[in-house]
mmCIF file of all heavy atoms, coordinates in Angstrom:
data_MODEL
# 
_entry.id   MODEL 
# 
loop_
_atom_site.group_PDB 
_atom_site.id 
_atom_site.type_symbol 
_atom_site.label_atom_id 
_atom_site.label_alt_id 
_atom_site.label_comp_id 
_atom_site.label_asym_id 
_atom_site.label_entity_id 
_atom_site.label_seq_id 
_atom_site.pdbx_PDB_ins_code 
_atom_site.Cartn_x 
_atom_site.Cartn_y 
_atom_site.Cartn_z 
_atom_site.occupancy 
_atom_site.B_iso_or_equiv 
_atom_site.pdbx_formal_charge 
_atom_site.auth_seq_id 
_atom_site.auth_comp_id 
_atom_site.auth_asym_id 
_atom_site.auth_atom_id 
_atom_site.pdbx_PDB_model_num 
ATOM 1   N N   . TYR A 1 1  ? 93.967  92.775  112.203 1.00 0.00 ? 1  TYR A N   1 
ATOM 2   C CA  . TYR A 1 1  ? 94.605  91.714  113.031 1.00 0.00 ? 1  TYR A CA  1 
ATOM 3   C C   . TYR A 1 1  ? 95.586  90.983  112.196 1.00 0.00 ? 1  TYR A C   1 
ATOM 4   O O   . TYR A 1 1  ? 95.184  90.287  111.199 1.00 0.00 ? 1  TYR A O   1 
ATOM 5   C CB  . TYR A 1 1  ? 93.532  90.844  113.552 1.00 0.00 ? 1  TYR A CB  1 
ATOM 6   C CG  . TYR A 1 1  ? 94.143  89.755  114.628 1.00 0.00 ? 1  TYR A CG  1 
ATOM 7   C CD1 . TYR A 1 1  ? 94.340  90.101  115.935 1.00 0.00 ? 1  TYR A CD1 1 
ATOM 8   C CD2 . TYR A 1 1  ? 94.435  88.516  114.105 1.00 0.00 ? 1  TYR A CD2 1 
ATOM 9   C CE1 . TYR A 1 1  ? 94.825  89.151  116.817 1.00 0.00 ? 1  TYR A CE1 1 
ATOM 10  C CE2 . TYR A 1 1  ? 95.024  87.591  115.095 1.00 0.00 ? 1  TYR A CE2 1 
ATOM 11  C CZ  . TYR A 1 1  ? 95.183  87.909  116.348 1.00 0.00 ? 1  TYR A CZ  1 
ATOM 12  O OH  . TYR A 1 1  ? 95.741  87.003  117.285 1.00 0.00 ? 1  TYR A OH  1 
ATOM 13  N N   . PRO A 1 2  ? 96.910  91.001  112.551 1.00 0.00 ? 2  PRO A N   1 
ATOM 14  C CA  . PRO A 1 2  ? 97.911  90.321  111.775 1.00 0.00 ? 2  PRO A CA  1 
ATOM 15  C C   . PRO A 1 2  ? 97.957  88.817  112.100 1.00 0.00 ? 2  PRO A C   1 
ATOM 16  O O   . PRO A 1 2  ? 98.214  88.406  113.265 1.00 0.00 ? 2  PRO A O   1 
ATOM 17  C CB  . PRO A 1 2  ? 99.221  90.991  112.215 1.00 0.00 ? 2  PRO A CB  1 
ATOM 18  C CG  . PRO A 1 2  ? 98.972  91.578  113.484 1.00 0.00 ? 2  PRO A CG  1 
ATOM 19  C CD  . PRO A 1 2  ? 97.495  91.853  113.576 1.00 0.00 ? 2  PRO A CD  1 
ATOM 20  N N   . ILE A 1 3  ? 97.501  87.929  111.191 1.00 0.00 ? 3  ILE A N   1 
ATOM 21  C CA  . ILE A 1 3  ? 97.539  86.522  111.373 1.00 0.00 ? 3  ILE A CA  1 
ATOM 22  C C   . ILE A 1 3  ? 98.973  86.075  111.417 1.00 0.00 ? 3  ILE A C   1 
ATOM 23  O O   . ILE A 1 3  ? 99.402  85.239  112.236 1.00 0.00 ? 3  ILE A O   1 
ATOM 24  C CB  . ILE A 1 3  ? 96.803  85.847  110.286 1.00 0.00 ? 3  ILE A CB  1 
ATOM 25  C CG1 . ILE A 1 3  ? 95.291  86.263  110.278 1.00 0.00 ? 3  ILE A CG1 1 
ATOM 26  C CG2 . ILE A 1 3  ? 96.894  84.304  110.462 1.00 0.00 ? 3  ILE A CG2 1 
ATOM 27  C CD1 . ILE A 1 3  ? 94.526  85.915  111.459 1.00 0.00 ? 3  ILE A CD1 1 
ATOM 28  N N   . SER A 1 4  ? 99.816  86.687  110.504 1.00 0.00 ? 4  SER A N   1 
ATOM 29  C CA  . SER A 1 4  ? 101.271 86.351  110.457 1.00 0.00 ? 4  SER A CA  1 
ATOM 30  C C   . SER A 1 4  ? 101.960 87.582  109.871 1.00 0.00 ? 4  SER A C   1 
ATOM 31  O O   . SER A 1 4  ? 101.317 88.597  109.733 1.00 0.00 ? 4  SER A O   1 
ATOM 32  C CB  . SER A 1 4  ? 101.458 85.106  109.597 1.00 0.00 ? 4  SER A CB  1 
ATOM 33  O OG  . SER A 1 4  ? 101.232 85.383  108.246 1.00 0.00 ? 4  SER A OG  1 
ATOM 34  N N   . ARG A 1 5  ? 103.211 87.476  109.675 1.00 0.00 ? 5  ARG A N   1 
ATOM 35  C CA  . ARG A 1 5  ? 103.988 88.491  109.039 1.00 0.00 ? 5  ARG A CA  1 
ATOM 36  C C   . ARG A 1 5  ? 103.379 88.876  107.606 1.00 0.00 ? 5  ARG A C   1 
ATOM 37  O O   . ARG A 1 5  ? 103.497 90.046  107.197 1.00 0.00 ? 5  ARG A O   1 
ATOM 38  C CB  . ARG A 1 5  ? 105.434 88.115  108.930 1.00 0.00 ? 5  ARG A CB  1 
ATOM 39  C CG  . ARG A 1 5  ? 106.366 89.213  108.382 1.00 0.00 ? 5  ARG A CG  1 
ATOM 40  C CD  . ARG A 1 5  ? 107.710 88.705  108.363 1.00 0.00 ? 5  ARG A CD  1 
ATOM 41  N NE  . ARG A 1 5  ? 108.670 89.687  107.763 1.00 0.00 ? 5  ARG A NE  1 
ATOM 42  C CZ  . ARG A 1 5  ? 109.907 89.409  107.567 1.00 0.00 ? 5  ARG A CZ  1 
ATOM 43  N NH1 . ARG A 1 5  ? 110.556 88.289  107.894 1.00 0.00 ? 5  ARG A NH1 1 
ATOM 44  N NH2 . ARG A 1 5  ? 110.716 90.328  106.944 1.00 0.00 ? 5  ARG A NH2 1 
ATOM 45  N N   . TYR A 1 6  ? 102.806 88.039  106.987 1.00 0.00 ? 6  TYR A N   1 
ATOM 46  C CA  . TYR A 1 6  ? 102.383 88.104  105.655 1.00 0.00 ? 6  TYR A CA  1 
ATOM 47  C C   . TYR A 1 6  ? 100.904 88.228  105.374 1.00 0.00 ? 6  TYR A C   1 
ATOM 48  O O   . TYR A 1 6  ? 100.426 88.503  104.283 1.00 0.00 ? 6  TYR A O   1 
ATOM 49  C CB  . TYR A 1 6  ? 102.926 87.055  104.698 1.00 0.00 ? 6  TYR A CB  1 
ATOM 50  C CG  . TYR A 1 6  ? 104.433 86.778  104.815 1.00 0.00 ? 6  TYR A CG  1 
ATOM 51  C CD1 . TYR A 1 6  ? 105.014 85.763  105.616 1.00 0.00 ? 6  TYR A CD1 1 
ATOM 52  C CD2 . TYR A 1 6  ? 105.293 87.720  104.260 1.00 0.00 ? 6  TYR A CD2 1 
ATOM 53  C CE1 . TYR A 1 6  ? 106.310 85.689  105.782 1.00 0.00 ? 6  TYR A CE1 1 
ATOM 54  C CE2 . TYR A 1 6  ? 106.669 87.568  104.292 1.00 0.00 ? 6  TYR A CE2 1 
ATOM 55  C CZ  . TYR A 1 6  ? 107.235 86.596  105.099 1.00 0.00 ? 6  TYR A CZ  1 
ATOM 56  O OH  . TYR A 1 6  ? 108.537 86.422  105.310 1.00 0.00 ? 6  TYR A OH  1 
ATOM 57  N N   . ILE A 1 7  ? 100.039 87.975  106.348 1.00 0.00 ? 7  ILE A N   1 
ATOM 58  C CA  . ILE A 1 7  ? 98.619  87.993  106.289 1.00 0.00 ? 7  ILE A CA  1 
ATOM 59  C C   . ILE A 1 7  ? 97.925  88.873  107.279 1.00 0.00 ? 7  ILE A C   1 
ATOM 60  O O   . ILE A 1 7  ? 98.287  88.814  108.435 1.00 0.00 ? 7  ILE A O   1 
ATOM 61  C CB  . ILE A 1 7  ? 98.044  86.518  106.370 1.00 0.00 ? 7  ILE A CB  1 
ATOM 62  C CG1 . ILE A 1 7  ? 98.684  85.639  105.356 1.00 0.00 ? 7  ILE A CG1 1 
ATOM 63  C CG2 . ILE A 1 7  ? 96.549  86.537  106.192 1.00 0.00 ? 7  ILE A CG2 1 
ATOM 64  C CD1 . ILE A 1 7  ? 98.262  84.135  105.486 1.00 0.00 ? 7  ILE A CD1 1 
ATOM 65  N N   . LEU A 1 8  ? 97.126  89.792  106.803 1.00 0.00 ? 8  LEU A N   1 
ATOM 66  C CA  . LEU A 1 8  ? 96.399  90.700  107.700 1.00 0.00 ? 8  LEU A CA  1 
ATOM 67  C C   . LEU A 1 8  ? 94.984  90.605  107.525 1.00 0.00 ? 8  LEU A C   1 
ATOM 68  O O   . LEU A 1 8  ? 94.403  90.660  106.352 1.00 0.00 ? 8  LEU A O   1 
ATOM 69  C CB  . LEU A 1 8  ? 96.805  92.187  107.394 1.00 0.00 ? 8  LEU A CB  1 
ATOM 70  C CG  . LEU A 1 8  ? 96.136  93.301  108.237 1.00 0.00 ? 8  LEU A CG  1 
ATOM 71  C CD1 . LEU A 1 8  ? 96.671  93.213  109.622 1.00 0.00 ? 8  LEU A CD1 1 
ATOM 72  C CD2 . LEU A 1 8  ? 96.462  94.697  107.632 1.00 0.00 ? 8  LEU A CD2 1 
ATOM 73  N N   . LEU A 1 9  ? 94.235  90.266  108.541 1.00 0.00 ? 9  LEU A N   1 
ATOM 74  C CA  . LEU A 1 9  ? 92.789  90.068  108.528 1.00 0.00 ? 9  LEU A CA  1 
ATOM 75  C C   . LEU A 1 9  ? 92.097  91.319  109.151 1.00 0.00 ? 9  LEU A C   1 
ATOM 76  O O   . LEU A 1 9  ? 92.479  91.709  110.269 1.00 0.00 ? 9  LEU A O   1 
ATOM 77  C CB  . LEU A 1 9  ? 92.385  88.793  109.319 1.00 0.00 ? 9  LEU A CB  1 
ATOM 78  C CG  . LEU A 1 9  ? 90.916  88.329  109.116 1.00 0.00 ? 9  LEU A CG  1 
ATOM 79  C CD1 . LEU A 1 9  ? 90.691  87.849  107.614 1.00 0.00 ? 9  LEU A CD1 1 
ATOM 80  C CD2 . LEU A 1 9  ? 90.737  87.122  110.104 1.00 0.00 ? 9  LEU A CD2 1 
ATOM 81  N N   . THR A 1 10 ? 91.057  91.873  108.405 1.00 0.00 ? 10 THR A N   1 
ATOM 82  C CA  . THR A 1 10 ? 90.466  93.065  108.910 1.00 0.00 ? 10 THR A CA  1 
ATOM 83  C C   . THR A 1 10 ? 88.998  92.917  108.848 1.00 0.00 ? 10 THR A C   1 
ATOM 84  O O   . THR A 1 10 ? 88.240  93.212  107.798 1.00 0.00 ? 10 THR A O   1 
ATOM 85  C CB  . THR A 1 10 ? 90.858  94.386  108.109 1.00 0.00 ? 10 THR A CB  1 
ATOM 86  O OG1 . THR A 1 10 ? 92.360  94.379  107.996 1.00 0.00 ? 10 THR A OG1 1 
ATOM 87  C CG2 . THR A 1 10 ? 90.287  95.591  108.708 1.00 0.00 ? 10 THR A CG2 1 
ATOM 88  N N   . PRO A 1 11 ? 88.321  92.401  109.878 1.00 0.00 ? 11 PRO A N   1 
ATOM 89  C CA  . PRO A 1 11 ? 86.903  92.372  110.010 1.00 0.00 ? 11 PRO A CA  1 
ATOM 90  C C   . PRO A 1 11 ? 86.269  93.736  110.457 1.00 0.00 ? 11 PRO A C   1 
ATOM 91  O O   . PRO A 1 11 ? 87.028  94.529  111.058 1.00 0.00 ? 11 PRO A O   1 
ATOM 92  C CB  . PRO A 1 11 ? 86.576  91.334  111.026 1.00 0.00 ? 11 PRO A CB  1 
ATOM 93  C CG  . PRO A 1 11 ? 87.778  91.384  111.896 1.00 0.00 ? 11 PRO A CG  1 
ATOM 94  C CD  . PRO A 1 11 ? 88.957  91.777  111.118 1.00 0.00 ? 11 PRO A CD  1 
ATOM 95  N N   . GLY A 1 12 ? 85.071  94.033  110.147 1.00 0.00 ? 12 GLY A N   1 
ATOM 96  C CA  . GLY A 1 12 ? 84.497  95.269  110.518 1.00 0.00 ? 12 GLY A CA  1 
ATOM 97  C C   . GLY A 1 12 ? 83.037  95.348  110.158 1.00 0.00 ? 12 GLY A C   1 
ATOM 98  O O   . GLY A 1 12 ? 82.504  94.385  109.536 1.00 0.00 ? 12 GLY A O   1 
ATOM 99  N N   . PHE A 1 13 ? 82.423  96.409  110.473 1.00 0.00 ? 13 PHE A N   1 
ATOM 100 C CA  . PHE A 1 13 ? 81.090  96.708  110.038 1.00 0.00 ? 13 PHE A CA  1 
ATOM 101 C C   . PHE A 1 13 ? 80.841  98.246  109.967 1.00 0.00 ? 13 PHE A C   1 
ATOM 102 O O   . PHE A 1 13 ? 81.610  98.985  110.542 1.00 0.00 ? 13 PHE A O   1 
ATOM 103 C CB  . PHE A 1 13 ? 79.996  96.046  110.988 1.00 0.00 ? 13 PHE A CB  1 
ATOM 104 C CG  . PHE A 1 13 ? 79.908  96.840  112.278 1.00 0.00 ? 13 PHE A CG  1 
ATOM 105 C CD1 . PHE A 1 13 ? 78.820  97.793  112.415 1.00 0.00 ? 13 PHE A CD1 1 
ATOM 106 C CD2 . PHE A 1 13 ? 80.586  96.523  113.477 1.00 0.00 ? 13 PHE A CD2 1 
ATOM 107 C CE1 . PHE A 1 13 ? 78.670  98.500  113.539 1.00 0.00 ? 13 PHE A CE1 1 
ATOM 108 C CE2 . PHE A 1 13 ? 80.434  97.192  114.594 1.00 0.00 ? 13 PHE A CE2 1 
ATOM 109 C CZ  . PHE A 1 13 ? 79.443  98.205  114.679 1.00 0.00 ? 13 PHE A CZ  1 
ATOM 110 N N   . TYR A 1 14 ? 79.763  98.569  109.275 1.00 0.00 ? 14 TYR A N   1 
ATOM 111 C CA  . TYR A 1 14 ? 79.341  99.954  109.285 1.00 0.00 ? 14 TYR A CA  1 
ATOM 112 C C   . TYR A 1 14 ? 77.861  100.047 109.183 1.00 0.00 ? 14 TYR A C   1 
ATOM 113 O O   . TYR A 1 14 ? 77.166  99.068  108.673 1.00 0.00 ? 14 TYR A O   1 
ATOM 114 C CB  . TYR A 1 14 ? 79.960  100.816 108.123 1.00 0.00 ? 14 TYR A CB  1 
ATOM 115 C CG  . TYR A 1 14 ? 79.637  100.417 106.727 1.00 0.00 ? 14 TYR A CG  1 
ATOM 116 C CD1 . TYR A 1 14 ? 78.540  101.043 106.105 1.00 0.00 ? 14 TYR A CD1 1 
ATOM 117 C CD2 . TYR A 1 14 ? 80.325  99.564  105.924 1.00 0.00 ? 14 TYR A CD2 1 
ATOM 118 C CE1 . TYR A 1 14 ? 78.159  100.778 104.841 1.00 0.00 ? 14 TYR A CE1 1 
ATOM 119 C CE2 . TYR A 1 14 ? 80.043  99.253  104.621 1.00 0.00 ? 14 TYR A CE2 1 
ATOM 120 C CZ  . TYR A 1 14 ? 78.942  99.891  104.055 1.00 0.00 ? 14 TYR A CZ  1 
ATOM 121 O OH  . TYR A 1 14 ? 78.566  99.541  102.809 1.00 0.00 ? 14 TYR A OH  1 
ATOM 122 N N   . VAL A 1 15 ? 77.239  101.182 109.676 1.00 0.00 ? 15 VAL A N   1 
ATOM 123 C CA  . VAL A 1 15 ? 75.847  101.344 109.628 1.00 0.00 ? 15 VAL A CA  1 
ATOM 124 C C   . VAL A 1 15 ? 75.598  102.771 109.237 1.00 0.00 ? 15 VAL A C   1 
ATOM 125 O O   . VAL A 1 15 ? 76.274  103.789 109.644 1.00 0.00 ? 15 VAL A O   1 
ATOM 126 C CB  . VAL A 1 15 ? 75.194  101.120 111.046 1.00 0.00 ? 15 VAL A CB  1 
ATOM 127 C CG1 . VAL A 1 15 ? 75.841  101.957 112.108 1.00 0.00 ? 15 VAL A CG1 1 
ATOM 128 C CG2 . VAL A 1 15 ? 73.728  101.436 110.983 1.00 0.00 ? 15 VAL A CG2 1 
ATOM 129 N N   . ILE A 1 16 ? 74.623  102.982 108.277 1.00 0.00 ? 16 ILE A N   1 
ATOM 130 C CA  . ILE A 1 16 ? 74.231  104.221 107.799 1.00 0.00 ? 16 ILE A CA  1 
ATOM 131 C C   . ILE A 1 16 ? 72.838  104.556 108.395 1.00 0.00 ? 16 ILE A C   1 
ATOM 132 O O   . ILE A 1 16 ? 71.885  103.776 108.189 1.00 0.00 ? 16 ILE A O   1 
ATOM 133 C CB  . ILE A 1 16 ? 74.156  104.283 106.278 1.00 0.00 ? 16 ILE A CB  1 
ATOM 134 C CG1 . ILE A 1 16 ? 75.505  104.005 105.718 1.00 0.00 ? 16 ILE A CG1 1 
ATOM 135 C CG2 . ILE A 1 16 ? 73.633  105.678 105.751 1.00 0.00 ? 16 ILE A CG2 1 
ATOM 136 C CD1 . ILE A 1 16 ? 75.559  103.905 104.154 1.00 0.00 ? 16 ILE A CD1 1 
ATOM 137 N N   . PHE A 1 17 ? 72.646  105.640 109.171 1.00 0.00 ? 17 PHE A N   1 
ATOM 138 C CA  . PHE A 1 17 ? 71.460  106.013 109.731 1.00 0.00 ? 17 PHE A CA  1 
ATOM 139 C C   . PHE A 1 17 ? 70.805  107.027 108.859 1.00 0.00 ? 17 PHE A C   1 
ATOM 140 O O   . PHE A 1 17 ? 71.381  107.946 108.285 1.00 0.00 ? 17 PHE A O   1 
ATOM 141 C CB  . PHE A 1 17 ? 71.665  106.672 111.047 1.00 0.00 ? 17 PHE A CB  1 
ATOM 142 C CG  . PHE A 1 17 ? 72.364  105.803 112.007 1.00 0.00 ? 17 PHE A CG  1 
ATOM 143 C CD1 . PHE A 1 17 ? 73.737  105.904 112.200 1.00 0.00 ? 17 PHE A CD1 1 
ATOM 144 C CD2 . PHE A 1 17 ? 71.745  104.825 112.806 1.00 0.00 ? 17 PHE A CD2 1 
ATOM 145 C CE1 . PHE A 1 17 ? 74.472  105.007 113.134 1.00 0.00 ? 17 PHE A CE1 1 
ATOM 146 C CE2 . PHE A 1 17 ? 72.409  104.051 113.728 1.00 0.00 ? 17 PHE A CE2 1 
ATOM 147 C CZ  . PHE A 1 17 ? 73.752  104.118 113.887 1.00 0.00 ? 17 PHE A CZ  1 
ATOM 148 N N   . ASP A 1 18 ? 69.374  106.794 108.598 1.00 0.00 ? 18 ASP A N   1 
ATOM 149 C CA  . ASP A 1 18 ? 68.621  107.615 107.762 1.00 0.00 ? 18 ASP A CA  1 
ATOM 150 C C   . ASP A 1 18 ? 69.252  107.855 106.406 1.00 0.00 ? 18 ASP A C   1 
ATOM 151 O O   . ASP A 1 18 ? 69.583  108.899 105.942 1.00 0.00 ? 18 ASP A O   1 
ATOM 152 C CB  . ASP A 1 18 ? 68.449  109.017 108.328 1.00 0.00 ? 18 ASP A CB  1 
ATOM 153 C CG  . ASP A 1 18 ? 67.794  109.066 109.740 1.00 0.00 ? 18 ASP A CG  1 
ATOM 154 O OD1 . ASP A 1 18 ? 67.080  108.124 109.948 1.00 0.00 ? 18 ASP A OD1 1 
ATOM 155 O OD2 . ASP A 1 18 ? 68.174  109.875 110.556 1.00 0.00 ? 18 ASP A OD2 1 
ATOM 156 N N   . PRO A 1 19 ? 69.492  106.727 105.591 1.00 0.00 ? 19 PRO A N   1 
ATOM 157 C CA  . PRO A 1 19 ? 70.105  106.767 104.294 1.00 0.00 ? 19 PRO A CA  1 
ATOM 158 C C   . PRO A 1 19 ? 69.399  107.769 103.353 1.00 0.00 ? 19 PRO A C   1 
ATOM 159 O O   . PRO A 1 19 ? 68.209  108.051 103.433 1.00 0.00 ? 19 PRO A O   1 
ATOM 160 C CB  . PRO A 1 19 ? 69.929  105.351 103.732 1.00 0.00 ? 19 PRO A CB  1 
ATOM 161 C CG  . PRO A 1 19 ? 69.722  104.518 104.923 1.00 0.00 ? 19 PRO A CG  1 
ATOM 162 C CD  . PRO A 1 19 ? 68.989  105.433 105.967 1.00 0.00 ? 19 PRO A CD  1 
ATOM 163 N N   . ASN A 1 20 ? 70.196  108.396 102.450 1.00 0.00 ? 20 ASN A N   1 
ATOM 164 C CA  . ASN A 1 20 ? 69.743  109.407 101.503 1.00 0.00 ? 20 ASN A CA  1 
ATOM 165 C C   . ASN A 1 20 ? 69.142  110.586 102.179 1.00 0.00 ? 20 ASN A C   1 
ATOM 166 O O   . ASN A 1 20 ? 68.318  111.259 101.647 1.00 0.00 ? 20 ASN A O   1 
ATOM 167 C CB  . ASN A 1 20 ? 68.639  108.812 100.512 1.00 0.00 ? 20 ASN A CB  1 
ATOM 168 C CG  . ASN A 1 20 ? 69.320  107.920 99.443  1.00 0.00 ? 20 ASN A CG  1 
ATOM 169 O OD1 . ASN A 1 20 ? 70.525  108.080 99.147  1.00 0.00 ? 20 ASN A OD1 1 
ATOM 170 N ND2 . ASN A 1 20 ? 68.581  107.042 98.812  1.00 0.00 ? 20 ASN A ND2 1 
ATOM 171 N N   . ASN A 1 21 ? 69.670  110.888 103.438 1.00 0.00 ? 21 ASN A N   1 
ATOM 172 C CA  . ASN A 1 21 ? 69.172  112.026 104.205 1.00 0.00 ? 21 ASN A CA  1 
ATOM 173 C C   . ASN A 1 21 ? 67.685  112.080 104.258 1.00 0.00 ? 21 ASN A C   1 
ATOM 174 O O   . ASN A 1 21 ? 66.954  113.121 104.149 1.00 0.00 ? 21 ASN A O   1 
ATOM 175 C CB  . ASN A 1 21 ? 69.629  113.345 103.478 1.00 0.00 ? 21 ASN A CB  1 
ATOM 176 C CG  . ASN A 1 21 ? 71.132  113.428 103.598 1.00 0.00 ? 21 ASN A CG  1 
ATOM 177 O OD1 . ASN A 1 21 ? 71.799  113.086 104.604 1.00 0.00 ? 21 ASN A OD1 1 
ATOM 178 N ND2 . ASN A 1 21 ? 71.782  113.943 102.489 1.00 0.00 ? 21 ASN A ND2 1 
ATOM 179 N N   . PHE A 1 22 ? 67.036  110.939 104.561 1.00 0.00 ? 22 PHE A N   1 
ATOM 180 C CA  . PHE A 1 22 ? 65.606  110.785 104.714 1.00 0.00 ? 22 PHE A CA  1 
ATOM 181 C C   . PHE A 1 22 ? 65.275  109.830 105.898 1.00 0.00 ? 22 PHE A C   1 
ATOM 182 O O   . PHE A 1 22 ? 65.611  108.645 105.864 1.00 0.00 ? 22 PHE A O   1 
ATOM 183 C CB  . PHE A 1 22 ? 65.020  110.225 103.450 1.00 0.00 ? 22 PHE A CB  1 
ATOM 184 C CG  . PHE A 1 22 ? 63.587  110.281 103.342 1.00 0.00 ? 22 PHE A CG  1 
ATOM 185 C CD1 . PHE A 1 22 ? 62.801  111.388 103.497 1.00 0.00 ? 22 PHE A CD1 1 
ATOM 186 C CD2 . PHE A 1 22 ? 62.820  109.088 103.136 1.00 0.00 ? 22 PHE A CD2 1 
ATOM 187 C CE1 . PHE A 1 22 ? 61.426  111.555 103.386 1.00 0.00 ? 22 PHE A CE1 1 
ATOM 188 C CE2 . PHE A 1 22 ? 61.472  109.194 103.025 1.00 0.00 ? 22 PHE A CE2 1 
ATOM 189 C CZ  . PHE A 1 22 ? 60.760  110.364 103.203 1.00 0.00 ? 22 PHE A CZ  1 
ATOM 190 N N   . SER A 1 23 ? 64.723  110.427 106.967 1.00 0.00 ? 23 SER A N   1 
ATOM 191 C CA  . SER A 1 23 ? 64.569  109.669 108.203 1.00 0.00 ? 23 SER A CA  1 
ATOM 192 C C   . SER A 1 23 ? 63.641  108.499 108.128 1.00 0.00 ? 23 SER A C   1 
ATOM 193 O O   . SER A 1 23 ? 63.657  107.632 108.975 1.00 0.00 ? 23 SER A O   1 
ATOM 194 C CB  . SER A 1 23 ? 64.075  110.649 109.298 1.00 0.00 ? 23 SER A CB  1 
ATOM 195 O OG  . SER A 1 23 ? 62.736  111.164 108.920 1.00 0.00 ? 23 SER A OG  1 
ATOM 196 N N   . GLU A 1 24 ? 62.773  108.441 107.043 1.00 0.00 ? 24 GLU A N   1 
ATOM 197 C CA  . GLU A 1 24 ? 61.892  107.325 106.965 1.00 0.00 ? 24 GLU A CA  1 
ATOM 198 C C   . GLU A 1 24 ? 62.512  106.113 106.261 1.00 0.00 ? 24 GLU A C   1 
ATOM 199 O O   . GLU A 1 24 ? 61.864  104.977 106.278 1.00 0.00 ? 24 GLU A O   1 
ATOM 200 C CB  . GLU A 1 24 ? 60.602  107.741 106.135 1.00 0.00 ? 24 GLU A CB  1 
ATOM 201 C CG  . GLU A 1 24 ? 59.821  108.801 106.846 1.00 0.00 ? 24 GLU A CG  1 
ATOM 202 C CD  . GLU A 1 24 ? 58.570  109.204 106.116 1.00 0.00 ? 24 GLU A CD  1 
ATOM 203 O OE1 . GLU A 1 24 ? 58.159  108.462 105.131 1.00 0.00 ? 24 GLU A OE1 1 
ATOM 204 O OE2 . GLU A 1 24 ? 57.950  110.327 106.373 1.00 0.00 ? 24 GLU A OE2 1 
ATOM 205 N N   . ASN A 1 25 ? 63.660  106.287 105.770 1.00 0.00 ? 25 ASN A N   1 
ATOM 206 C CA  . ASN A 1 25 ? 64.435  105.061 105.234 1.00 0.00 ? 25 ASN A CA  1 
ATOM 207 C C   . ASN A 1 25 ? 65.072  104.327 106.438 1.00 0.00 ? 25 ASN A C   1 
ATOM 208 O O   . ASN A 1 25 ? 65.482  104.875 107.374 1.00 0.00 ? 25 ASN A O   1 
ATOM 209 C CB  . ASN A 1 25 ? 65.559  105.565 104.314 1.00 0.00 ? 25 ASN A CB  1 
ATOM 210 C CG  . ASN A 1 25 ? 65.031  106.130 102.971 1.00 0.00 ? 25 ASN A CG  1 
ATOM 211 O OD1 . ASN A 1 25 ? 63.940  105.768 102.565 1.00 0.00 ? 25 ASN A OD1 1 
ATOM 212 N ND2 . ASN A 1 25 ? 65.750  106.984 102.357 1.00 0.00 ? 25 ASN A ND2 1 
ATOM 213 N N   . GLY A 1 26 ? 64.961  102.966 106.317 1.00 0.00 ? 26 GLY A N   1 
ATOM 214 C CA  . GLY A 1 26 ? 65.551  102.132 107.285 1.00 0.00 ? 26 GLY A CA  1 
ATOM 215 C C   . GLY A 1 26 ? 67.068  102.158 107.312 1.00 0.00 ? 26 GLY A C   1 
ATOM 216 O O   . GLY A 1 26 ? 67.699  102.382 106.344 1.00 0.00 ? 26 GLY A O   1 
ATOM 217 N N   . ASN A 1 27 ? 67.626  101.959 108.518 1.00 0.00 ? 27 ASN A N   1 
ATOM 218 C CA  . ASN A 1 27 ? 69.070  102.073 108.649 1.00 0.00 ? 27 ASN A CA  1 
ATOM 219 C C   . ASN A 1 27 ? 69.718  100.840 107.860 1.00 0.00 ? 27 ASN A C   1 
ATOM 220 O O   . ASN A 1 27 ? 69.099  99.784  107.750 1.00 0.00 ? 27 ASN A O   1 
ATOM 221 C CB  . ASN A 1 27 ? 69.479  101.947 110.042 1.00 0.00 ? 27 ASN A CB  1 
ATOM 222 C CG  . ASN A 1 27 ? 68.967  103.155 110.931 1.00 0.00 ? 27 ASN A CG  1 
ATOM 223 O OD1 . ASN A 1 27 ? 68.754  104.220 110.415 1.00 0.00 ? 27 ASN A OD1 1 
ATOM 224 N ND2 . ASN A 1 27 ? 68.829  102.979 112.156 1.00 0.00 ? 27 ASN A ND2 1 
ATOM 225 N N   . ILE A 1 28 ? 70.889  101.140 107.344 1.00 0.00 ? 28 ILE A N   1 
ATOM 226 C CA  . ILE A 1 28 ? 71.632  100.040 106.633 1.00 0.00 ? 28 ILE A CA  1 
ATOM 227 C C   . ILE A 1 28 ? 72.843  99.528  107.412 1.00 0.00 ? 28 ILE A C   1 
ATOM 228 O O   . ILE A 1 28 ? 73.602  100.320 107.720 1.00 0.00 ? 28 ILE A O   1 
ATOM 229 C CB  . ILE A 1 28 ? 72.143  100.659 105.201 1.00 0.00 ? 28 ILE A CB  1 
ATOM 230 C CG1 . ILE A 1 28 ? 70.814  101.087 104.361 1.00 0.00 ? 28 ILE A CG1 1 
ATOM 231 C CG2 . ILE A 1 28 ? 72.921  99.551  104.441 1.00 0.00 ? 28 ILE A CG2 1 
ATOM 232 C CD1 . ILE A 1 28 ? 71.308  101.737 103.076 1.00 0.00 ? 28 ILE A CD1 1 
ATOM 233 N N   . TRP A 1 29 ? 72.813  98.162  107.605 1.00 0.00 ? 29 TRP A N   1 
ATOM 234 C CA  . TRP A 1 29 ? 73.852  97.553  108.388 1.00 0.00 ? 29 TRP A CA  1 
ATOM 235 C C   . TRP A 1 29 ? 74.699  96.723  107.425 1.00 0.00 ? 29 TRP A C   1 
ATOM 236 O O   . TRP A 1 29 ? 74.124  95.897  106.645 1.00 0.00 ? 29 TRP A O   1 
ATOM 237 C CB  . TRP A 1 29 ? 73.355  96.692  109.497 1.00 0.00 ? 29 TRP A CB  1 
ATOM 238 C CG  . TRP A 1 29 ? 72.763  97.571  110.525 1.00 0.00 ? 29 TRP A CG  1 
ATOM 239 C CD1 . TRP A 1 29 ? 71.394  98.115  110.554 1.00 0.00 ? 29 TRP A CD1 1 
ATOM 240 C CD2 . TRP A 1 29 ? 73.252  97.906  111.847 1.00 0.00 ? 29 TRP A CD2 1 
ATOM 241 N NE1 . TRP A 1 29 ? 71.120  98.665  111.743 1.00 0.00 ? 29 TRP A NE1 1 
ATOM 242 C CE2 . TRP A 1 29 ? 72.273  98.635  112.557 1.00 0.00 ? 29 TRP A CE2 1 
ATOM 243 C CE3 . TRP A 1 29 ? 74.470  97.629  112.462 1.00 0.00 ? 29 TRP A CE3 1 
ATOM 244 C CZ2 . TRP A 1 29 ? 72.484  99.097  113.741 1.00 0.00 ? 29 TRP A CZ2 1 
ATOM 245 C CZ3 . TRP A 1 29 ? 74.626  98.076  113.792 1.00 0.00 ? 29 TRP A CZ3 1 
ATOM 246 C CH2 . TRP A 1 29 ? 73.669  98.913  114.399 1.00 0.00 ? 29 TRP A CH2 1 
# 
């Protein structure tokens, strides 16, 4: 999201399901 011509703000998130290819590991947010 461009706040102005000179400032760009980029919020976001990601989630990893079954980290380390192991379903018993909790998801990471």
